[in-house]
PDB file of N, CA and C in Angstrom:
ATOM      1  N   MET A   1    -169.692 213.005 -27.291  1.00  0.00           N
ATOM      2  CA  MET A   1    -168.295 213.084 -26.893  1.00  0.00           C
ATOM      3  C   MET A   1    -167.382 212.797 -28.088  1.00  0.00           C
ATOM      4  N   GLN A   2    -166.300 213.560 -28.196  1.00  0.00           N
ATOM      5  CA  GLN A   2    -165.374 213.389 -29.310  1.00  0.00           C
ATOM      6  C   GLN A   2    -164.522 212.150 -29.125  1.00  0.00           C
ATOM      7  N   ASN A   3    -163.980 211.744 -30.203  1.00  0.00           N
ATOM      8  CA  ASN A   3    -163.073 210.612 -30.197  1.00  0.00           C
ATOM      9  C   ASN A   3    -161.798 211.009 -29.431  1.00  0.00           C
ATOM     10  N   PRO A   4    -161.400 210.227 -28.386  1.00  0.00           N
ATOM     11  CA  PRO A   4    -160.201 210.592 -27.601  1.00  0.00           C
ATOM     12  C   PRO A   4    -158.912 210.602 -28.439  1.00  0.00           C
ATOM     13  N   MET A   5    -158.809 209.763 -29.450  1.00  0.00           N
ATOM     14  CA  MET A   5    -157.612 209.751 -30.297  1.00  0.00           C
ATOM     15  C   MET A   5    -157.502 211.047 -31.099  1.00  0.00           C
ATOM     16  N   LYS A   6    -158.623 211.562 -31.547  1.00  0.00           N
ATOM     17  CA  LYS A   6    -158.621 212.815 -32.296  1.00  0.00           C
ATOM     18  C   LYS A   6    -158.163 213.966 -31.406  1.00  0.00           C
ATOM     19  N   LEU A   7    -158.619 213.987 -30.164  1.00  0.00           N
ATOM     20  CA  LEU A   7    -158.220 215.017 -29.203  1.00  0.00           C
ATOM     21  C   LEU A   7    -156.722 214.938 -28.917  1.00  0.00           C
ATOM     22  N   ILE A   8    -156.199 213.733 -28.770  1.00  0.00           N
ATOM     23  CA  ILE A   8    -154.760 213.548 -28.514  1.00  0.00           C
ATOM     24  C   ILE A   8    -153.947 214.042 -29.717  1.00  0.00           C
ATOM     25  N   LYS A   9    -154.408 213.748 -30.934  1.00  0.00           N
ATOM     26  CA  LYS A   9    -153.708 214.209 -32.136  1.00  0.00           C
ATOM     27  C   LYS A   9    -153.689 215.733 -32.205  1.00  0.00           C
ATOM     28  N   ILE A  10    -154.783 216.367 -31.866  1.00  0.00           N
ATOM     29  CA  ILE A  10    -154.844 217.831 -31.889  1.00  0.00           C
ATOM     30  C   ILE A  10    -153.876 218.424 -30.875  1.00  0.00           C
ATOM     31  N   ILE A  11    -153.842 217.847 -29.678  1.00  0.00           N
ATOM     32  CA  ILE A  11    -152.927 218.339 -28.630  1.00  0.00           C
ATOM     33  C   ILE A  11    -151.471 218.153 -29.063  1.00  0.00           C
ATOM     34  N   LEU A  12    -151.129 216.987 -29.603  1.00  0.00           N
ATOM     35  CA  LEU A  12    -149.756 216.742 -30.054  1.00  0.00           C
ATOM     36  C   LEU A  12    -149.367 217.676 -31.202  1.00  0.00           C
ATOM     37  N   PHE A  13    -150.271 217.873 -32.138  1.00  0.00           N
ATOM     38  CA  PHE A  13    -150.000 218.788 -33.252  1.00  0.00           C
ATOM     39  C   PHE A  13    -149.760 220.204 -32.730  1.00  0.00           C
ATOM     40  N   SER A  14    -150.567 220.636 -31.772  1.00  0.00           N
ATOM     41  CA  SER A  14    -150.402 221.971 -31.177  1.00  0.00           C
ATOM     42  C   SER A  14    -149.058 222.093 -30.479  1.00  0.00           C
ATOM     43  N   LEU A  15    -148.642 221.057 -29.764  1.00  0.00           N
ATOM     44  CA  LEU A  15    -147.341 221.081 -29.089  1.00  0.00           C
ATOM     45  C   LEU A  15    -146.193 221.165 -30.088  1.00  0.00           C
ATOM     46  N   VAL A  16    -146.305 220.451 -31.197  1.00  0.00           N
ATOM     47  CA  VAL A  16    -145.266 220.505 -32.229  1.00  0.00           C
ATOM     48  C   VAL A  16    -145.181 221.913 -32.812  1.00  0.00           C
ATOM     49  N   ILE A  17    -146.313 222.525 -33.111  1.00  0.00           N
ATOM     50  CA  ILE A  17    -146.326 223.881 -33.673  1.00  0.00           C
ATOM     51  C   ILE A  17    -145.706 224.873 -32.696  1.00  0.00           C
ATOM     52  N   VAL A  18    -146.076 224.803 -31.425  1.00  0.00           N
ATOM     53  CA  VAL A  18    -145.522 225.705 -30.411  1.00  0.00           C
ATOM     54  C   VAL A  18    -144.015 225.485 -30.286  1.00  0.00           C
ATOM     55  N   SER A  19    -143.568 224.237 -30.326  1.00  0.00           N
ATOM     56  CA  SER A  19    -142.136 223.939 -30.224  1.00  0.00           C
ATOM     57  C   SER A  19    -141.366 224.511 -31.415  1.00  0.00           C
ATOM     58  N   VAL A  20    -141.894 224.357 -32.619  1.00  0.00           N
ATOM     59  CA  VAL A  20    -141.228 224.872 -33.818  1.00  0.00           C
ATOM     60  C   VAL A  20    -141.149 226.394 -33.765  1.00  0.00           C
ATOM     61  N   LEU A  21    -142.231 227.043 -33.376  1.00  0.00           N
ATOM     62  CA  LEU A  21    -142.228 228.503 -33.281  1.00  0.00           C
ATOM     63  C   LEU A  21    -141.256 228.994 -32.212  1.00  0.00           C
ATOM     64  N   SER A  22    -141.202 228.324 -31.080  1.00  0.00           N
ATOM     65  CA  SER A  22    -140.276 228.707 -30.001  1.00  0.00           C
ATOM     66  C   SER A  22    -138.830 228.552 -30.452  1.00  0.00           C
ATOM     67  N   TYR A  23    -138.529 227.440 -31.093  1.00  0.00           N
ATOM     68  CA  TYR A  23    -137.178 227.205 -31.570  1.00  0.00           C
ATOM     69  C   TYR A  23    -136.792 228.228 -32.641  1.00  0.00           C
ATOM     70  N   SER A  24    -137.710 228.555 -33.524  1.00  0.00           N
ATOM     71  CA  SER A  24    -137.441 229.555 -34.565  1.00  0.00           C
ATOM     72  C   SER A  24    -137.119 230.912 -33.955  1.00  0.00           C
ATOM     73  N   TYR A  25    -137.884 231.310 -32.957  1.00  0.00           N
ATOM     74  CA  TYR A  25    -137.599 232.579 -32.282  1.00  0.00           C
ATOM     75  C   TYR A  25    -136.235 232.526 -31.609  1.00  0.00           C
ATOM     76  N   TYR A  26    -135.919 231.423 -30.932  1.00  0.00           N
ATOM     77  CA  TYR A  26    -134.645 231.283 -30.243  1.00  0.00           C
ATOM     78  C   TYR A  26    -133.481 231.428 -31.218  1.00  0.00           C
ATOM     79  N   GLN A  27    -133.597 230.846 -32.405  1.00  0.00           N
ATOM     80  CA  GLN A  27    -132.516 230.897 -33.383  1.00  0.00           C
ATOM     81  C   GLN A  27    -132.386 232.265 -34.061  1.00  0.00           C
ATOM     82  N   THR A  28    -133.461 233.040 -34.128  1.00  0.00           N
ATOM     83  CA  THR A  28    -133.417 234.316 -34.831  1.00  0.00           C
ATOM     84  C   THR A  28    -133.374 235.524 -33.905  1.00  0.00           C
ATOM     85  N   ARG A  29    -133.252 235.307 -32.609  1.00  0.00           N
ATOM     86  CA  ARG A  29    -133.301 236.435 -31.672  1.00  0.00           C
ATOM     87  C   ARG A  29    -132.159 237.422 -31.895  1.00  0.00           C
ATOM     88  N   GLY A  30    -130.982 236.941 -32.293  1.00  0.00           N
ATOM     89  CA  GLY A  30    -129.869 237.840 -32.585  1.00  0.00           C
ATOM     90  C   GLY A  30    -130.178 238.742 -33.759  1.00  0.00           C
ATOM     91  N   TYR A  31    -130.796 238.195 -34.786  1.00  0.00           N
ATOM     92  CA  TYR A  31    -131.182 238.999 -35.938  1.00  0.00           C
ATOM     93  C   TYR A  31    -132.245 240.019 -35.557  1.00  0.00           C
ATOM     94  N   LEU A  32    -133.183 239.618 -34.736  1.00  0.00           N
ATOM     95  CA  LEU A  32    -134.270 240.514 -34.353  1.00  0.00           C
ATOM     96  C   LEU A  32    -133.767 241.681 -33.508  1.00  0.00           C
ATOM     97  N   LYS A  33    -132.787 241.439 -32.648  1.00  0.00           N
ATOM     98  CA  LYS A  33    -132.280 242.488 -31.764  1.00  0.00           C
ATOM     99  C   LYS A  33    -131.298 243.420 -32.466  1.00  0.00           C
ATOM    100  N   GLY A  34    -130.553 242.919 -33.420  1.00  0.00           N
ATOM    101  CA  GLY A  34    -129.527 243.727 -34.072  1.00  0.00           C
ATOM    102  C   GLY A  34    -128.289 243.843 -33.200  1.00  0.00           C
ATOM    103  N   PRO A  35    -127.336 244.698 -33.588  1.00  0.00           N
ATOM    104  CA  PRO A  35    -126.105 244.829 -32.810  1.00  0.00           C
ATOM    105  C   PRO A  35    -126.361 245.529 -31.475  1.00  0.00           C
ATOM    106  N   ILE A  36    -125.707 245.032 -30.451  1.00  0.00           N
ATOM    107  CA  ILE A  36    -125.831 245.597 -29.103  1.00  0.00           C
ATOM    108  C   ILE A  36    -124.470 246.170 -28.708  1.00  0.00           C
ATOM    109  N   LEU A  37    -124.473 247.404 -28.193  1.00  0.00           N
ATOM    110  CA  LEU A  37    -123.238 248.078 -27.796  1.00  0.00           C
ATOM    111  C   LEU A  37    -123.455 248.757 -26.457  1.00  0.00           C
ATOM    112  N   GLU A  38    -122.588 248.450 -25.507  1.00  0.00           N
ATOM    113  CA  GLU A  38    -122.627 249.086 -24.187  1.00  0.00           C
ATOM    114  C   GLU A  38    -121.239 249.592 -23.845  1.00  0.00           C
ATOM    115  N   LEU A  39    -121.167 250.835 -23.395  1.00  0.00           N
ATOM    116  CA  LEU A  39    -119.903 251.422 -22.939  1.00  0.00           C
ATOM    117  C   LEU A  39    -119.891 251.388 -21.424  1.00  0.00           C
ATOM    118  N   THR A  40    -118.820 250.824 -20.855  1.00  0.00           N
ATOM    119  CA  THR A  40    -118.749 250.686 -19.399  1.00  0.00           C
ATOM    120  C   THR A  40    -117.891 251.762 -18.742  1.00  0.00           C
ATOM    121  N   GLU A  41    -116.847 252.201 -19.441  1.00  0.00           N
ATOM    122  CA  GLU A  41    -116.048 253.303 -18.911  1.00  0.00           C
ATOM    123  C   GLU A  41    -115.274 253.987 -20.020  1.00  0.00           C
ATOM    124  N   PRO A  42    -114.987 255.235 -19.870  1.00  0.00           N
ATOM    125  CA  PRO A  42    -115.376 256.167 -18.809  1.00  0.00           C
ATOM    126  C   PRO A  42    -116.823 256.628 -19.014  1.00  0.00           C
ATOM    127  N   ALA A  43    -117.316 257.344 -18.037  1.00  0.00           N
ATOM    128  CA  ALA A  43    -118.686 257.841 -18.100  1.00  0.00           C
ATOM    129  C   ALA A  43    -118.789 258.975 -19.124  1.00  0.00           C
ATOM    130  N   ASP A  44    -119.935 259.061 -19.776  1.00  0.00           N
ATOM    131  CA  ASP A  44    -120.184 260.146 -20.721  1.00  0.00           C
ATOM    132  C   ASP A  44    -120.168 261.481 -19.968  1.00  0.00           C
ATOM    133  N   ASN A  45    -119.668 262.505 -20.608  1.00  0.00           N
ATOM    134  CA  ASN A  45    -119.564 263.860 -20.029  1.00  0.00           C
ATOM    135  C   ASN A  45    -118.651 263.930 -18.808  1.00  0.00           C
ATOM    136  N   SER A  46    -117.668 263.047 -18.741  1.00  0.00           N
ATOM    137  CA  SER A  46    -116.741 263.079 -17.612  1.00  0.00           C
ATOM    138  C   SER A  46    -115.537 263.965 -17.929  1.00  0.00           C
ATOM    139  N   THR A  47    -114.888 264.457 -16.881  1.00  0.00           N
ATOM    140  CA  THR A  47    -113.712 265.313 -16.997  1.00  0.00           C
ATOM    141  C   THR A  47    -112.475 264.507 -16.649  1.00  0.00           C
ATOM    142  N   HIS A  48    -111.413 264.661 -17.441  1.00  0.00           N
ATOM    143  CA  HIS A  48    -110.173 263.906 -17.240  1.00  0.00           C
ATOM    144  C   HIS A  48    -109.006 264.882 -17.145  1.00  0.00           C
ATOM    145  N   TYR A  49    -108.019 264.516 -16.328  1.00  0.00           N
ATOM    146  CA  TYR A  49    -106.859 265.362 -16.117  1.00  0.00           C
ATOM    147  C   TYR A  49    -105.593 264.739 -16.690  1.00  0.00           C
ATOM    148  N   GLN A  50    -105.744 263.604 -17.360  1.00  0.00           N
ATOM    149  CA  GLN A  50    -104.645 262.978 -18.099  1.00  0.00           C
ATOM    150  C   GLN A  50    -105.123 262.782 -19.529  1.00  0.00           C
ATOM    151  N   SER A  51    -104.212 262.956 -20.478  1.00  0.00           N
ATOM    152  CA  SER A  51    -104.624 262.902 -21.880  1.00  0.00           C
ATOM    153  C   SER A  51    -104.917 261.484 -22.367  1.00  0.00           C
ATOM    154  N   LYS A  52    -104.353 260.503 -21.707  1.00  0.00           N
ATOM    155  CA  LYS A  52    -104.557 259.118 -22.130  1.00  0.00           C
ATOM    156  C   LYS A  52    -105.736 258.515 -21.365  1.00  0.00           C
ATOM    157  N   VAL A  53    -106.690 257.959 -22.106  1.00  0.00           N
ATOM    158  CA  VAL A  53    -107.870 257.362 -21.494  1.00  0.00           C
ATOM    159  C   VAL A  53    -108.168 256.029 -22.193  1.00  0.00           C
ATOM    160  N   THR A  54    -108.711 255.097 -21.435  1.00  0.00           N
ATOM    161  CA  THR A  54    -109.074 253.790 -21.983  1.00  0.00           C
ATOM    162  C   THR A  54    -110.593 253.689 -22.085  1.00  0.00           C
ATOM    163  N   ILE A  55    -111.068 253.404 -23.272  1.00  0.00           N
ATOM    164  CA  ILE A  55    -112.494 253.225 -23.525  1.00  0.00           C
ATOM    165  C   ILE A  55    -112.777 251.736 -23.414  1.00  0.00           C
ATOM    166  N   LYS A  56    -113.737 251.377 -22.558  1.00  0.00           N
ATOM    167  CA  LYS A  56    -114.078 249.965 -22.360  1.00  0.00           C
ATOM    168  C   LYS A  56    -115.576 249.756 -22.557  1.00  0.00           C
ATOM    169  N   GLY A  57    -115.908 248.545 -22.986  1.00  0.00           N
ATOM    170  CA  GLY A  57    -117.308 248.197 -23.160  1.00  0.00           C
ATOM    171  C   GLY A  57    -117.437 246.795 -23.710  1.00  0.00           C
ATOM    172  N   TYR A  58    -118.642 246.478 -24.169  1.00  0.00           N
ATOM    173  CA  TYR A  58    -118.854 245.178 -24.798  1.00  0.00           C
ATOM    174  C   TYR A  58    -119.880 245.314 -25.912  1.00  0.00           C
ATOM    175  N   ALA A  59    -119.777 244.375 -26.849  1.00  0.00           N
ATOM    176  CA  ALA A  59    -120.666 244.376 -28.006  1.00  0.00           C
ATOM    177  C   ALA A  59    -121.099 242.944 -28.294  1.00  0.00           C
ATOM    178  N   LYS A  60    -122.352 242.799 -28.728  1.00  0.00           N
ATOM    179  CA  LYS A  60    -122.890 241.484 -29.076  1.00  0.00           C
ATOM    180  C   LYS A  60    -123.560 241.578 -30.441  1.00  0.00           C
ATOM    181  N   ASN A  61    -123.624 240.460 -31.111  1.00  0.00           N
ATOM    182  CA  ASN A  61    -124.271 240.336 -32.422  1.00  0.00           C
ATOM    183  C   ASN A  61    -123.642 241.277 -33.452  1.00  0.00           C
ATOM    184  N   ILE A  62    -122.326 241.377 -33.442  1.00  0.00           N
ATOM    185  CA  ILE A  62    -121.653 242.296 -34.369  1.00  0.00           C
ATOM    186  C   ILE A  62    -120.713 241.544 -35.304  1.00  0.00           C
ATOM    187  N   SER A  63    -120.425 242.181 -36.423  1.00  0.00           N
ATOM    188  CA  SER A  63    -119.381 241.678 -37.317  1.00  0.00           C
ATOM    189  C   SER A  63    -118.260 242.702 -37.481  1.00  0.00           C
ATOM    190  N   TYR A  64    -118.519 243.949 -37.022  1.00  0.00           N
ATOM    191  CA  TYR A  64    -117.530 245.013 -37.179  1.00  0.00           C
ATOM    192  C   TYR A  64    -117.761 246.066 -36.103  1.00  0.00           C
ATOM    193  N   ILE A  65    -116.652 246.630 -35.583  1.00  0.00           N
ATOM    194  CA  ILE A  65    -116.744 247.722 -34.609  1.00  0.00           C
ATOM    195  C   ILE A  65    -115.611 248.700 -34.886  1.00  0.00           C
ATOM    196  N   ASN A  66    -115.910 250.000 -34.806  1.00  0.00           N
ATOM    197  CA  ASN A  66    -114.855 250.992 -34.967  1.00  0.00           C
ATOM    198  C   ASN A  66    -115.037 252.125 -33.966  1.00  0.00           C
ATOM    199  N   MET A  67    -113.921 252.783 -33.688  1.00  0.00           N
ATOM    200  CA  MET A  67    -113.909 253.944 -32.804  1.00  0.00           C
ATOM    201  C   MET A  67    -113.311 255.099 -33.590  1.00  0.00           C
ATOM    202  N   ASN A  68    -114.108 256.125 -33.836  1.00  0.00           N
ATOM    203  CA  ASN A  68    -113.701 257.275 -34.648  1.00  0.00           C
ATOM    204  C   ASN A  68    -113.135 256.841 -36.004  1.00  0.00           C
ATOM    205  N   GLY A  69    -113.782 255.845 -36.619  1.00  0.00           N
ATOM    206  CA  GLY A  69    -113.385 255.381 -37.940  1.00  0.00           C
ATOM    207  C   GLY A  69    -112.278 254.357 -37.971  1.00  0.00           C
ATOM    208  N   LYS A  70    -111.660 254.047 -36.830  1.00  0.00           N
ATOM    209  CA  LYS A  70    -110.573 253.067 -36.772  1.00  0.00           C
ATOM    210  C   LYS A  70    -111.125 251.757 -36.214  1.00  0.00           C
ATOM    211  N   GLN A  71    -110.912 250.669 -36.965  1.00  0.00           N
ATOM    212  CA  GLN A  71    -111.419 249.378 -36.514  1.00  0.00           C
ATOM    213  C   GLN A  71    -110.757 248.965 -35.206  1.00  0.00           C
ATOM    214  N   ILE A  72    -111.577 248.472 -34.284  1.00  0.00           N
ATOM    215  CA  ILE A  72    -111.070 247.907 -33.033  1.00  0.00           C
ATOM    216  C   ILE A  72    -111.602 246.484 -32.939  1.00  0.00           C
ATOM    217  N   PHE A  73    -111.118 245.740 -31.959  1.00  0.00           N
ATOM    218  CA  PHE A  73    -111.450 244.323 -31.876  1.00  0.00           C
ATOM    219  C   PHE A  73    -111.962 243.969 -30.487  1.00  0.00           C
ATOM    220  N   THR A  74    -112.802 242.948 -30.455  1.00  0.00           N
ATOM    221  CA  THR A  74    -113.332 242.442 -29.193  1.00  0.00           C
ATOM    222  C   THR A  74    -112.691 241.098 -28.888  1.00  0.00           C
ATOM    223  N   ASP A  75    -112.773 240.692 -27.615  1.00  0.00           N
ATOM    224  CA  ASP A  75    -112.328 239.346 -27.269  1.00  0.00           C
ATOM    225  C   ASP A  75    -113.487 238.376 -27.535  1.00  0.00           C
ATOM    226  N   GLN A  76    -113.316 237.126 -27.154  1.00  0.00           N
ATOM    227  CA  GLN A  76    -114.330 236.106 -27.444  1.00  0.00           C
ATOM    228  C   GLN A  76    -115.652 236.363 -26.744  1.00  0.00           C
ATOM    229  N   SER A  77    -115.620 237.075 -25.625  1.00  0.00           N
ATOM    230  CA  SER A  77    -116.861 237.353 -24.901  1.00  0.00           C
ATOM    231  C   SER A  77    -117.502 238.671 -25.341  1.00  0.00           C
ATOM    232  N   GLY A  78    -116.879 239.370 -26.295  1.00  0.00           N
ATOM    233  CA  GLY A  78    -117.444 240.607 -26.822  1.00  0.00           C
ATOM    234  C   GLY A  78    -116.937 241.866 -26.148  1.00  0.00           C
ATOM    235  N   LYS A  79    -116.009 241.745 -25.194  1.00  0.00           N
ATOM    236  CA  LYS A  79    -115.474 242.917 -24.498  1.00  0.00           C
ATOM    237  C   LYS A  79    -114.379 243.576 -25.336  1.00  0.00           C
ATOM    238  N   PHE A  80    -114.287 244.894 -25.208  1.00  0.00           N
ATOM    239  CA  PHE A  80    -113.206 245.619 -25.870  1.00  0.00           C
ATOM    240  C   PHE A  80    -112.622 246.639 -24.919  1.00  0.00           C
ATOM    241  N   SER A  81    -111.361 246.997 -25.165  1.00  0.00           N
ATOM    242  CA  SER A  81    -110.639 247.990 -24.392  1.00  0.00           C
ATOM    243  C   SER A  81    -109.672 248.669 -25.348  1.00  0.00           C
ATOM    244  N   GLU A  82    -109.857 249.972 -25.526  1.00  0.00           N
ATOM    245  CA  GLU A  82    -109.052 250.705 -26.504  1.00  0.00           C
ATOM    246  C   GLU A  82    -108.565 252.010 -25.889  1.00  0.00           C
ATOM    247  N   GLU A  83    -107.251 252.244 -25.959  1.00  0.00           N
ATOM    248  CA  GLU A  83    -106.682 253.481 -25.441  1.00  0.00           C
ATOM    249  C   GLU A  83    -106.731 254.558 -26.518  1.00  0.00           C
ATOM    250  N   THR A  84    -106.923 255.789 -26.070  1.00  0.00           N
ATOM    251  CA  THR A  84    -106.913 256.927 -26.987  1.00  0.00           C
ATOM    252  C   THR A  84    -106.365 258.142 -26.256  1.00  0.00           C
ATOM    253  N   LEU A  85    -105.865 259.089 -27.027  1.00  0.00           N
ATOM    254  CA  LEU A  85    -105.366 260.336 -26.463  1.00  0.00           C
ATOM    255  C   LEU A  85    -106.413 261.426 -26.649  1.00  0.00           C
ATOM    256  N   LEU A  86    -106.609 262.220 -25.625  1.00  0.00           N
ATOM    257  CA  LEU A  86    -107.570 263.307 -25.673  1.00  0.00           C
ATOM    258  C   LEU A  86    -106.864 264.614 -25.987  1.00  0.00           C
ATOM    259  N   ALA A  87    -107.512 265.445 -26.757  1.00  0.00           N
ATOM    260  CA  ALA A  87    -107.032 266.805 -26.994  1.00  0.00           C
ATOM    261  C   ALA A  87    -107.598 267.686 -25.892  1.00  0.00           C
ATOM    262  N   GLU A  88    -106.962 268.807 -25.649  1.00  0.00           N
ATOM    263  CA  GLU A  88    -107.454 269.709 -24.604  1.00  0.00           C
ATOM    264  C   GLU A  88    -108.856 270.202 -24.971  1.00  0.00           C
ATOM    265  N   GLY A  89    -109.737 270.197 -23.984  1.00  0.00           N
ATOM    266  CA  GLY A  89    -111.114 270.633 -24.196  1.00  0.00           C
ATOM    267  C   GLY A  89    -112.051 269.456 -24.404  1.00  0.00           C
ATOM    268  N   LEU A  90    -113.113 269.702 -25.155  1.00  0.00           N
ATOM    269  CA  LEU A  90    -114.125 268.681 -25.394  1.00  0.00           C
ATOM    270  C   LEU A  90    -113.687 267.720 -26.497  1.00  0.00           C
ATOM    271  N   ASN A  91    -113.812 266.421 -26.220  1.00  0.00           N
ATOM    272  CA  ASN A  91    -113.500 265.371 -27.189  1.00  0.00           C
ATOM    273  C   ASN A  91    -114.770 264.551 -27.418  1.00  0.00           C
ATOM    274  N   ILE A  92    -115.103 264.319 -28.662  1.00  0.00           N
ATOM    275  CA  ILE A  92    -116.267 263.508 -28.992  1.00  0.00           C
ATOM    276  C   ILE A  92    -115.771 262.229 -29.647  1.00  0.00           C
ATOM    277  N   ILE A  93    -116.119 261.110 -29.040  1.00  0.00           N
ATOM    278  CA  ILE A  93    -115.675 259.798 -29.519  1.00  0.00           C
ATOM    279  C   ILE A  93    -116.910 259.034 -29.985  1.00  0.00           C
ATOM    280  N   SER A  94    -116.846 258.539 -31.202  1.00  0.00           N
ATOM    281  CA  SER A  94    -117.941 257.790 -31.802  1.00  0.00           C
ATOM    282  C   SER A  94    -117.548 256.319 -31.904  1.00  0.00           C
ATOM    283  N   ILE A  95    -118.386 255.439 -31.374  1.00  0.00           N
ATOM    284  CA  ILE A  95    -118.158 254.004 -31.486  1.00  0.00           C
ATOM    285  C   ILE A  95    -119.344 253.430 -32.252  1.00  0.00           C
ATOM    286  N   VAL A  96    -119.042 252.775 -33.370  1.00  0.00           N
ATOM    287  CA  VAL A  96    -120.072 252.255 -34.259  1.00  0.00           C
ATOM    288  C   VAL A  96    -119.898 250.749 -34.415  1.00  0.00           C
ATOM    289  N   THR A  97    -121.005 250.028 -34.298  1.00  0.00           N
ATOM    290  CA  THR A  97    -120.993 248.596 -34.558  1.00  0.00           C
ATOM    291  C   THR A  97    -121.913 248.297 -35.732  1.00  0.00           C
ATOM    292  N   LYS A  98    -121.600 247.225 -36.451  1.00  0.00           N
ATOM    293  CA  LYS A  98    -122.447 246.731 -37.540  1.00  0.00           C
ATOM    294  C   LYS A  98    -122.601 245.228 -37.371  1.00  0.00           C
ATOM    295  N   ASP A  99    -123.793 244.740 -37.728  1.00  0.00           N
ATOM    296  CA  ASP A  99    -123.965 243.292 -37.740  1.00  0.00           C
ATOM    297  C   ASP A  99    -123.845 242.790 -39.180  1.00  0.00           C
ATOM    298  N   LYS A 100    -123.992 241.504 -39.375  1.00  0.00           N
ATOM    299  CA  LYS A 100    -123.804 240.941 -40.712  1.00  0.00           C
ATOM    300  C   LYS A 100    -124.883 241.357 -41.696  1.00  0.00           C
ATOM    301  N   TYR A 101    -125.936 241.998 -41.207  1.00  0.00           N
ATOM    302  CA  TYR A 101    -127.001 242.502 -42.080  1.00  0.00           C
ATOM    303  C   TYR A 101    -126.868 244.006 -42.315  1.00  0.00           C
ATOM    304  N   GLU A 102    -125.692 244.578 -41.948  1.00  0.00           N
ATOM    305  CA  GLU A 102    -125.369 246.000 -42.138  1.00  0.00           C
ATOM    306  C   GLU A 102    -126.200 246.951 -41.269  1.00  0.00           C
ATOM    307  N   ARG A 103    -126.837 246.425 -40.225  1.00  0.00           N
ATOM    308  CA  ARG A 103    -127.531 247.315 -39.293  1.00  0.00           C
ATOM    309  C   ARG A 103    -126.494 247.896 -38.342  1.00  0.00           C
ATOM    310  N   GLU A 104    -126.638 249.176 -38.013  1.00  0.00           N
ATOM    311  CA  GLU A 104    -125.654 249.877 -37.191  1.00  0.00           C
ATOM    312  C   GLU A 104    -126.214 250.252 -35.831  1.00  0.00           C
ATOM    313  N   ASN A 105    -125.299 250.391 -34.886  1.00  0.00           N
ATOM    314  CA  ASN A 105    -125.594 250.936 -33.570  1.00  0.00           C
ATOM    315  C   ASN A 105    -124.432 251.867 -33.243  1.00  0.00           C
ATOM    316  N   GLU A 106    -124.725 253.093 -32.840  1.00  0.00           N
ATOM    317  CA  GLU A 106    -123.669 254.060 -32.552  1.00  0.00           C
ATOM    318  C   GLU A 106    -123.867 254.644 -31.163  1.00  0.00           C
ATOM    319  N   LYS A 107    -122.757 254.779 -30.451  1.00  0.00           N
ATOM    320  CA  LYS A 107    -122.743 255.465 -29.160  1.00  0.00           C
ATOM    321  C   LYS A 107    -121.746 256.616 -29.273  1.00  0.00           C
ATOM    322  N   ILE A 108    -122.144 257.754 -28.727  1.00  0.00           N
ATOM    323  CA  ILE A 108    -121.285 258.939 -28.705  1.00  0.00           C
ATOM    324  C   ILE A 108    -120.843 259.164 -27.265  1.00  0.00           C
ATOM    325  N   LEU A 109    -119.548 259.361 -27.091  1.00  0.00           N
ATOM    326  CA  LEU A 109    -118.956 259.582 -25.774  1.00  0.00           C
ATOM    327  C   LEU A 109    -118.324 260.970 -25.783  1.00  0.00           C
ATOM    328  N   ARG A 110    -118.732 261.816 -24.849  1.00  0.00           N
ATOM    329  CA  ARG A 110    -118.178 263.157 -24.736  1.00  0.00           C
ATOM    330  C   ARG A 110    -117.280 263.212 -23.507  1.00  0.00           C
ATOM    331  N   LEU A 111    -116.017 263.534 -23.721  1.00  0.00           N
ATOM    332  CA  LEU A 111    -115.042 263.594 -22.637  1.00  0.00           C
ATOM    333  C   LEU A 111    -114.343 264.946 -22.663  1.00  0.00           C
ATOM    334  N   VAL A 112    -114.129 265.503 -21.497  1.00  0.00           N
ATOM    335  CA  VAL A 112    -113.449 266.797 -21.388  1.00  0.00           C
ATOM    336  C   VAL A 112    -112.065 266.544 -20.771  1.00  0.00           C
ATOM    337  N   TYR A 113    -111.037 267.089 -21.446  1.00  0.00           N
ATOM    338  CA  TYR A 113    -109.669 266.977 -20.934  1.00  0.00           C
ATOM    339  C   TYR A 113    -109.217 268.372 -20.499  1.00  0.00           C
ATOM    340  N   LEU A 114    -108.827 268.465 -19.228  1.00  0.00           N
ATOM    341  CA  LEU A 114    -108.287 269.709 -18.680  1.00  0.00           C
ATOM    342  C   LEU A 114    -106.848 269.454 -18.276  1.00  0.00           C
ATOM    343  N   LYS A 115    -105.937 270.321 -18.725  1.00  0.00           N
ATOM    344  CA  LYS A 115    -104.515 270.172 -18.362  1.00  0.00           C
ATOM    345  C   LYS A 115    -104.290 270.576 -16.939  1.00  0.00           C
TER     346      LYS A 115
END
């Protein structure tokens, strides 16, 4: 039979290692996931009968966000709301986010405006 103190030391050492690894993952999960971008409205490929439309969504783990090359801003919870004017016909709107490591995430929104 093994020494009980040796077994206790092995178990405690294993718990410390598991705790350190878990904490490390928890602290780096934002880096591992990269920038997150979700568009909530309007729906992609939707048809609109007014030229003014509001693009809404949220972003996480970002340092920069733009819509068609123009910087936009989020609130403290990561939500954004930006108005834009549509031209008649098909409009393609590009929303790009970057994190502090220069990784990008892009969503393309296609909207049709009919007068």
